[in-house]
Protein backbone atom coordinates (compact mmCIF):
# COMPACT_ATOMS: atom_id res chain seq x y z
CA MET A 1 1.45 -2.81 -24.08
CA LYS A 2 -1.63 -4.66 -22.78
CA THR A 3 -3.89 -1.87 -24.01
CA VAL A 4 -2.27 -1.82 -27.48
CA LEU A 5 -2.09 -5.54 -28.35
CA PRO A 6 -5.88 -6.10 -28.58
CA TRP A 7 -6.13 -3.46 -31.32
CA LEU A 8 -3.27 -4.53 -33.60
CA TRP A 9 -5.79 -6.07 -35.98
CA ILE A 10 -6.69 -2.54 -37.08
CA ALA A 11 -3.16 -1.80 -38.34
CA PRO A 12 -3.44 -3.65 -41.73
CA LEU A 13 -6.75 -1.94 -42.69
CA PRO A 14 -5.27 1.19 -44.33
CA LEU A 15 -3.18 -0.99 -46.65
CA THR A 16 -5.99 -3.38 -47.49
CA LEU A 17 -8.35 -0.50 -48.24
CA LEU A 18 -5.78 1.12 -50.50
CA LEU A 19 -5.26 -2.12 -52.42
CA ASP A 20 -9.04 -2.70 -52.76
CA VAL A 21 -9.81 0.84 -53.90
CA THR A 22 -7.06 0.81 -56.54
CA SER A 23 -8.19 -2.55 -57.93
CA ASP A 24 -10.44 -2.97 -60.98
CA GLY A 25 -13.27 -4.46 -59.02
CA GLY A 26 -15.69 -1.65 -59.73
CA TRP A 27 -18.71 -0.87 -57.62
CA PRO A 28 -19.05 -4.32 -55.91
CA ILE A 29 -15.61 -3.89 -54.25
CA LEU A 30 -16.43 -0.32 -53.25
CA VAL A 31 -19.86 -1.20 -51.80
CA GLY A 32 -18.49 -4.29 -50.05
CA ASN A 33 -15.74 -2.27 -48.44
CA LEU A 34 -18.13 0.51 -47.52
CA VAL A 35 -20.38 -1.97 -45.65
CA ALA A 36 -17.33 -3.57 -43.96
CA VAL A 37 -15.81 -0.27 -42.80
CA THR A 38 -19.00 1.55 -41.80
CA VAL A 39 -20.86 -1.31 -40.11
CA ALA A 40 -18.57 -4.30 -39.36
CA LEU A 41 -15.53 -2.27 -38.18
CA PRO A 42 -17.42 -0.17 -35.56
CA ALA A 43 -19.29 -3.28 -34.35
CA LEU A 44 -16.02 -5.16 -33.91
CA TRP A 45 -14.53 -2.24 -32.11
CA LEU A 46 -17.48 -1.93 -29.72
CA GLY A 47 -17.73 -5.69 -29.24
CA GLN A 48 -14.13 -5.94 -28.10
CA ARG A 49 -14.00 -2.64 -26.28
CA ALA A 50 -16.86 -3.50 -23.92
CA ALA A 51 -15.71 -4.59 -20.46
CA ALA A 52 -18.08 -7.57 -20.77
CA PRO A 53 -18.15 -8.41 -24.49
CA ARG A 54 -21.61 -7.93 -25.98
CA PRO A 55 -22.68 -10.61 -28.41
CA ALA A 56 -24.99 -8.23 -30.30
CA PHE A 57 -22.08 -6.19 -31.63
CA LEU A 58 -20.07 -9.19 -32.84
CA ARG A 59 -23.19 -10.80 -34.36
CA LEU A 60 -23.87 -7.52 -36.21
CA ALA A 61 -20.29 -7.49 -37.47
CA ALA A 62 -20.55 -11.06 -38.73
CA ALA A 63 -23.84 -10.39 -40.49
CA ALA A 64 -22.46 -7.23 -42.13
CA LEU A 65 -19.38 -9.09 -43.34
CA ILE A 66 -21.51 -11.86 -44.85
CA VAL A 67 -23.49 -9.21 -46.78
CA ALA A 68 -20.24 -7.43 -47.80
CA ALA A 69 -18.72 -10.69 -49.02
CA GLY A 70 -21.84 -11.41 -51.04
CA VAL A 71 -21.60 -8.05 -52.74
CA VAL A 72 -17.89 -8.53 -53.44
CA ALA A 73 -18.66 -11.93 -55.02
CA VAL A 74 -20.44 -10.16 -57.87
CA SER A 75 -17.07 -8.82 -59.04
CA GLN A 76 -15.46 -12.25 -58.90
CA LEU A 77 -12.50 -10.60 -57.16
CA LEU A 78 -11.04 -10.71 -53.64
CA SER A 79 -11.51 -7.90 -51.16
CA LEU A 80 -8.63 -8.01 -48.72
CA THR A 81 -10.48 -5.69 -46.30
CA VAL A 82 -13.57 -7.91 -46.12
CA LEU A 83 -11.45 -11.04 -45.79
CA TRP A 84 -9.32 -9.56 -43.02
CA LEU A 85 -12.25 -8.27 -40.99
CA SER A 86 -13.97 -11.65 -41.45
CA LEU A 87 -10.93 -13.39 -39.95
CA VAL A 88 -11.01 -10.98 -37.00
CA ALA A 89 -14.72 -11.55 -36.45
CA LEU A 90 -14.25 -15.33 -36.59
CA ALA A 91 -11.55 -15.18 -33.97
CA HIS A 92 -13.67 -13.02 -31.64
CA LEU A 93 -16.82 -15.08 -32.07
CA SER A 94 -15.07 -18.42 -31.50
CA ARG A 95 -13.37 -16.98 -28.39
CA ARG A 96 -16.36 -15.41 -26.74
CA PHE A 97 -19.64 -17.17 -27.53
CA THR A 98 -21.15 -20.66 -28.01
CA ASP A 99 -24.82 -19.79 -28.30
CA PRO A 100 -26.68 -21.18 -31.35
CA LEU A 101 -27.06 -17.81 -33.11
CA SER A 102 -23.38 -16.97 -32.78
CA VAL A 103 -22.36 -20.45 -33.95
CA ALA A 104 -24.66 -20.18 -36.96
CA LEU A 105 -23.25 -16.80 -37.97
CA LEU A 106 -19.71 -18.05 -37.37
CA THR A 107 -20.37 -21.07 -39.66
CA VAL A 108 -21.87 -18.97 -42.46
CA LEU A 109 -19.14 -16.38 -42.26
CA ALA A 110 -16.42 -19.07 -42.35
CA LEU A 111 -17.94 -20.66 -45.45
CA THR A 112 -18.37 -17.26 -47.11
CA ALA A 113 -14.74 -16.38 -46.44
CA VAL A 114 -13.68 -19.61 -48.24
CA VAL A 115 -16.23 -19.69 -51.09
CA VAL A 116 -15.97 -16.11 -52.29
CA PRO A 117 -12.20 -16.26 -53.05
CA GLY A 118 -12.90 -19.55 -54.83
CA LEU A 119 -15.07 -17.67 -57.38
CA ILE A 120 -12.01 -15.85 -58.75
CA PRO A 121 -11.54 -17.03 -62.36
CA GLY A 122 -8.44 -19.14 -63.02
CA ASP A 123 -6.91 -19.24 -59.54
CA GLY A 124 -10.06 -19.80 -57.53
CA LEU A 125 -8.97 -23.09 -55.97
CA THR A 126 -5.62 -21.59 -54.91
CA PHE A 127 -7.31 -18.58 -53.30
CA ALA A 128 -9.94 -20.84 -51.69
CA PHE A 129 -7.24 -23.04 -50.18
CA GLY A 130 -5.35 -20.04 -48.84
CA ALA A 131 -8.53 -18.51 -47.41
CA SER A 132 -9.50 -21.83 -45.79
CA THR A 133 -6.06 -21.97 -44.13
CA LEU A 134 -6.56 -18.48 -42.75
CA VAL A 135 -10.06 -19.32 -41.52
CA VAL A 136 -8.82 -22.39 -39.69
CA ALA A 137 -6.00 -20.31 -38.10
CA ALA A 138 -8.50 -17.64 -36.97
CA LEU A 139 -10.82 -20.20 -35.41
CA ALA A 140 -7.90 -22.00 -33.75
CA LEU A 141 -6.66 -18.64 -32.32
CA GLY A 142 -10.09 -17.89 -30.95
CA LEU A 143 -10.43 -21.31 -29.35
CA LEU A 144 -6.92 -21.02 -27.89
CA MET A 145 -7.80 -17.67 -26.38
CA ARG A 146 -10.99 -19.18 -24.97
CA MET A 147 -8.94 -21.90 -23.25
CA PHE A 148 -6.57 -19.23 -21.91
CA ASP A 149 -9.50 -17.16 -20.63
CA ARG A 150 -11.05 -20.19 -18.93
CA SER A 151 -7.72 -21.17 -17.34
CA LEU A 152 -7.19 -17.63 -16.12
CA HIS A 153 -10.66 -17.52 -14.64
CA GLN A 154 -10.09 -20.82 -12.86
CA ARG A 155 -6.79 -19.63 -11.47
CA GLN A 156 -8.35 -16.44 -10.23
CA ALA A 157 -11.23 -18.36 -8.60
CA THR A 158 -8.76 -20.78 -6.95
CA ALA A 159 -6.65 -17.87 -5.70
CA ALA A 160 -9.70 -16.09 -4.34
CA GLU A 161 -10.87 -19.23 -2.53
CA ALA A 162 -7.36 -19.83 -1.12
CA GLU A 163 -7.24 -16.21 0.09
CA ARG A 164 -10.69 -16.59 1.68
CA ARG A 165 -9.62 -19.74 3.49
CA ARG A 166 -6.36 -18.12 4.62
CA MET A 167 -8.22 -15.11 5.95
CA ALA A 168 -10.69 -17.35 7.77
CA THR A 169 -7.83 -19.30 9.32
CA ASP A 170 -6.01 -16.18 10.39
CA LEU A 171 -9.24 -14.73 11.84
CA HIS A 172 -9.78 -17.94 13.79
CA ASP A 173 -6.20 -17.97 15.05
CA LEU A 174 -6.35 -14.33 16.16
CA VAL A 175 -9.84 -14.03 17.64
CA ALA A 176 -11.28 -17.40 18.54
CA HIS A 177 -8.92 -17.88 21.51
CA GLU A 178 -10.21 -14.53 22.97
CA VAL A 179 -13.83 -15.55 22.46
CA THR A 180 -13.24 -18.93 24.06
CA GLY A 181 -11.67 -17.18 27.05
CA ILE A 182 -14.62 -14.79 27.29
CA VAL A 183 -17.00 -17.74 27.54
CA VAL A 184 -14.92 -19.32 30.30
CA LEU A 185 -14.77 -16.06 32.24
CA ALA A 186 -18.46 -15.42 31.80
CA GLN A 187 -19.27 -18.86 33.16
CA ALA A 188 -17.01 -18.25 36.17
CA ALA A 189 -18.54 -14.85 36.73
CA SER A 190 -22.07 -16.28 36.76
CA ARG A 191 -21.10 -18.51 39.65
CA ALA A 192 -19.11 -15.90 41.59
CA GLU A 193 -20.58 -14.79 44.95
CA ASP A 194 -17.80 -12.42 45.91
CA PRO A 195 -18.33 -9.00 44.27
CA SER A 196 -14.57 -8.49 43.90
CA VAL A 197 -14.23 -11.77 42.00
CA LEU A 198 -17.15 -10.80 39.77
CA ARG A 199 -15.61 -7.37 39.02
CA ALA A 200 -12.24 -9.00 38.24
CA ALA A 201 -13.89 -11.45 35.81
CA LEU A 202 -15.88 -8.74 34.10
CA GLY A 203 -12.68 -6.61 33.77
CA ARG A 204 -10.86 -9.52 32.12
CA ILE A 205 -13.84 -10.06 29.82
CA GLU A 206 -13.62 -6.44 28.77
CA GLU A 207 -9.89 -6.74 28.13
CA SER A 208 -10.32 -9.90 26.03
CA GLY A 209 -13.08 -8.27 23.96
CA SER A 210 -10.94 -5.19 23.37
CA ARG A 211 -8.01 -7.33 22.26
CA ALA A 212 -10.25 -9.32 19.91
CA LEU A 213 -11.48 -6.07 18.30
CA GLU A 214 -7.93 -4.77 17.97
CA GLU A 215 -6.77 -8.03 16.38
CA ILE A 216 -9.62 -7.89 13.84
CA ARG A 217 -8.58 -4.34 12.93
CA SER A 218 -4.96 -5.43 12.58
CA LEU A 219 -5.96 -8.34 10.35
CA VAL A 220 -8.04 -6.12 8.06
CA ALA A 221 -5.41 -3.35 7.94
CA SER A 222 -2.39 -5.59 7.33
CA PRO A 223 -1.54 -6.00 3.58
CA ALA A 224 -0.58 -9.62 4.19
CA GLY A 225 -3.74 -10.24 6.20
CA THR A 226 -1.86 -11.45 9.23
CA ALA A 227 -1.80 -9.94 12.65
CA ALA A 228 1.73 -11.16 13.18
CA ALA A 229 2.68 -7.87 11.56
CA ALA A 230 0.63 -5.92 14.09
CA PRO A 231 2.50 -5.10 17.29
CA THR A 232 -0.75 -3.93 18.85
CA ALA A 233 -2.05 -7.45 19.19
CA PRO A 234 0.05 -8.93 21.97
CA THR A 235 -1.99 -12.07 22.43
CA ALA A 236 -1.89 -13.11 18.78
CA PRO A 237 0.45 -15.96 17.84
CA THR A 238 3.74 -14.37 16.74
CA ALA A 239 7.32 -15.47 16.05
CA ALA A 240 8.88 -16.31 19.39
CA GLY A 241 11.52 -18.36 21.09
CA PRO A 242 11.16 -21.20 23.56
CA GLU A 243 10.91 -18.77 26.53
CA ALA A 244 7.83 -17.19 24.99
CA LEU A 245 6.18 -20.60 24.56
CA GLU A 246 6.98 -21.47 28.16
CA ARG A 247 5.54 -18.20 29.30
CA ARG A 248 2.37 -18.82 27.36
CA LEU A 249 2.00 -22.25 28.99
CA GLU A 250 2.62 -20.86 32.48
CA GLU A 251 0.07 -18.09 32.03
CA PHE A 252 -2.49 -20.59 30.83
CA GLY A 253 -1.97 -22.67 33.95
CA ALA A 254 -2.83 -19.71 36.22
CA SER A 255 -5.88 -18.56 34.29
CA ASP A 256 -7.36 -22.07 34.12
CA ASP A 257 -6.18 -23.36 37.49
CA ALA A 258 -4.10 -26.01 35.77
CA SER A 259 -0.67 -27.45 36.53
CA THR A 260 1.90 -27.10 33.78
CA GLN A 261 5.29 -28.60 32.96
CA SER A 262 7.66 -27.95 30.07
CA GLY A 263 10.80 -29.59 28.76
CA ILE A 264 13.00 -28.20 26.02
CA ASP A 265 15.88 -29.88 24.23
CA LEU A 266 17.29 -27.87 21.34
CA PRO A 267 20.68 -29.16 20.23
CA ALA A 268 20.04 -27.69 16.78
CA PRO A 269 19.21 -24.02 16.12
CA VAL A 270 15.60 -23.34 15.16
CA PRO A 271 14.77 -20.54 12.68
CA THR A 272 12.63 -17.73 14.18
CA ALA A 273 9.99 -18.24 11.45
CA VAL A 274 9.40 -21.79 12.71
CA TRP A 275 8.71 -20.48 16.20
CA ALA A 276 5.70 -18.54 14.80
CA THR A 277 4.08 -21.80 13.64
CA LEU A 278 4.96 -23.60 16.85
CA ASP A 279 3.32 -20.77 18.78
CA ARG A 280 0.12 -21.24 16.79
CA VAL A 281 0.29 -25.00 17.52
CA LEU A 282 0.58 -24.29 21.24
CA VAL A 283 -2.31 -21.82 21.13
CA GLU A 284 -4.59 -24.44 19.59
CA ALA A 285 -3.48 -27.12 22.00
CA LEU A 286 -4.08 -24.99 25.07
CA THR A 287 -7.52 -23.94 23.93
CA ASN A 288 -8.44 -27.57 23.38
CA VAL A 289 -7.45 -28.19 26.96
CA ARG A 290 -9.52 -25.22 28.09
CA ARG A 291 -12.48 -26.31 25.95
CA HIS A 292 -12.51 -29.97 26.94
CA ALA A 293 -10.49 -30.58 30.12
CA GLY A 294 -11.15 -27.32 31.97
CA PRO A 295 -9.79 -26.44 35.46
CA GLY A 296 -7.61 -28.91 37.27
CA ALA A 297 -5.93 -30.33 34.19
CA HIS A 298 -2.25 -31.17 34.00
CA VAL A 299 -0.60 -29.94 30.81
CA SER A 300 2.91 -30.82 29.70
CA MET A 301 4.83 -29.40 26.77
CA THR A 302 7.99 -30.74 25.22
CA ILE A 303 10.07 -29.18 22.43
CA ALA A 304 12.91 -31.09 20.85
CA SER A 305 14.95 -30.51 17.73
CA SER A 306 17.06 -32.73 15.47
CA PRO A 307 19.45 -31.63 12.74
CA ASP A 308 16.59 -31.35 10.26
CA ALA A 309 13.35 -30.84 12.25
CA VAL A 310 11.78 -29.57 15.49
CA ALA A 311 8.84 -31.22 17.25
CA LEU A 312 6.34 -29.78 19.71
CA THR A 313 4.20 -32.10 21.85
CA VAL A 314 1.41 -31.00 24.20
CA GLU A 315 -0.29 -33.55 26.45
CA SER A 316 -3.14 -33.03 28.95
CA THR A 317 -4.66 -35.29 31.57
CA GLY A 318 -7.39 -34.83 34.20
CA GLY A 319 -9.56 -31.77 34.47
CA LEU A 320 -13.09 -31.01 35.62
CA GLY A 321 -14.58 -30.43 32.17
CA GLY A 322 -14.51 -27.40 29.92
CA ILE A 323 -17.02 -25.39 27.92
CA GLY A 324 -17.70 -28.14 25.36
CA ARG A 325 -16.85 -29.29 21.90
CA GLY A 326 -16.08 -26.78 19.11
CA GLY A 327 -16.40 -27.10 15.39
CA GLY A 328 -12.94 -28.58 14.69
CA THR A 329 -11.96 -25.56 12.53
CA GLY A 330 -8.86 -24.70 14.55
CA LEU A 331 -7.17 -28.09 14.37
CA HIS A 332 -8.14 -28.59 10.72
CA GLY A 333 -6.57 -25.27 9.76
CA LEU A 334 -3.55 -26.02 11.93
CA ARG A 335 -3.06 -29.40 10.26
CA THR A 336 -3.22 -27.78 6.85
CA ARG A 337 -0.74 -25.08 7.90
CA VAL A 338 1.78 -27.63 9.23
CA GLU A 339 1.46 -30.02 6.27
CA ASP A 340 1.80 -27.13 3.80
CA LEU A 341 5.21 -26.48 5.37
CA GLY A 342 6.20 -30.14 4.90
CA GLY A 343 5.57 -31.17 8.53
CA ASP A 344 3.57 -33.81 10.29
CA PHE A 345 0.57 -33.24 12.55
CA ALA A 346 -1.41 -35.54 14.85
CA ALA A 347 -3.95 -34.94 17.64
CA GLY A 348 -6.19 -37.18 19.61
CA LEU A 349 -6.76 -39.37 22.66
CA ILE A 350 -3.91 -41.75 23.57
CA ASP A 351 -4.11 -43.97 26.70
CA GLY A 352 -6.59 -41.69 28.40
CA SER A 353 -4.73 -38.43 27.77
CA TRP A 354 -5.16 -35.96 24.95
CA ARG A 355 -2.03 -35.39 22.93
CA LEU A 356 -1.11 -33.02 20.10
CA ARG A 357 2.16 -33.32 18.19
CA ALA A 358 3.51 -31.20 15.39
CA ARG A 359 6.79 -31.77 13.66
CA LEU A 360 8.23 -29.09 11.38
CA PRO A 361 11.25 -29.30 9.09
CA LEU A 362 13.78 -26.60 9.85
CA ALA A 363 13.85 -25.82 6.12
CA ALA A 364 10.23 -24.66 6.39
CA ALA A 365 11.50 -21.17 7.28
CA PRO A 366 12.98 -18.68 4.75
CA PRO A 367 16.77 -18.34 4.90
CA SER A 368 16.47 -14.76 6.02
CA GLY A 369 14.37 -15.66 9.04
CA GLY A 370 17.32 -15.95 11.47
CA THR A 371 17.70 -18.60 14.13
CA LEU A 372 17.33 -19.02 17.85
CA SER A 373 19.21 -21.75 19.67
CA PRO A 374 18.53 -21.41 23.41
CA GLY A 375 18.40 -24.35 25.74
CA GLY A 376 15.78 -25.04 28.36
CA THR A 377 15.06 -26.91 31.55
CA PRO A 378 11.88 -28.49 32.91
CA SER A 379 9.66 -26.05 34.80
CA ALA A 380 6.30 -25.86 36.51
CA HIS A 381 4.61 -22.45 36.86
CA ALA A 382 1.27 -20.67 37.13
CA ARG A 383 0.67 -17.07 36.00
CA PRO A 384 -2.36 -15.30 34.42
CA HIS A 385 -2.85 -15.89 30.69
CA THR A 386 -5.29 -14.68 28.07
CA PRO A 387 -7.66 -17.17 26.31
CA GLU A 388 -6.59 -19.23 23.32
CA SER A 389 -8.48 -20.88 20.42
CA GLY A 390 -8.90 -24.37 19.09
CA ASP A 391 -11.04 -27.50 19.02
CA ARG A 392 -10.39 -31.09 19.83
CA PRO A 393 -11.07 -33.41 16.87
């Protein structure tokens, strides 16, 4: 249907040609129709058919129709073919182009389409009024289509920019935590004097690099552009329950020589889709601790739910200093993600400790996402963990 609609303007031509040829207009009507059909019609066809409309074809069509209308005026009759093609050309020109030459041709063609019918003896004013109404309608249609084209272009540009930002955020979420960990391990390896410690650090650097490459491949290969759909990227933030978040915290404590504590209070069931966002929040929070607090920090995590929302709070104190400040991309993207789901997000220094809090409505998850409603108790652990991503504001 989309390929047929643009060419419906050709359908009336056989009828208009038949009526013109059988009229008593004599040679002016015949010559005018000949110019319109042999020059203007192919030019209109080519001007519309081009993937990027070419102004030269539409200008040629307009000029040919002006000449054809001038020839028809000699007969003091109306050529339906010339009038119809003039209306089509006016619609296309007003839709596509605003350059001075096109506007000049459009103006002359519009005046010609109104004046020539007005030369018909007796009913000239009636025909001129009818033709002027059709001319205004053709111009209005062209301008309306121009507005539609512009709106479509803006929507496409906005969608492309949103997709670019989403891909950048996903890439950061999936890879930056590995890169941050590689930097930490490389710094530790440069200070290691024991060969076995150095080999262990280099081995973990290799593992982190391999995971980062695999996560990039998963991101590119996934139709949705998210590695959550890729089971081969175990370190990427994925939908999880409270036990998985506790495990991530415990593993972080071992890899960064930090003490950890978690408290979970979930009287209300939490949809599994919400856990995926909470996991991303925890990833960013832990990497901020790694980046700014470093070894020796104390990190606490609390998760609590109410009938309509669930909140995750991560707080860190102490530490010997991390690898330094990042660009803030992680937390900015995380804030956008949480707020887009109708939640609240805050991060910063409070009474000497760094705190991040994200609150998500339980309705942020799709109904088909399922729920998890496990309980939890405070715990303190330390096990190896892979690097995370994020930046303190």
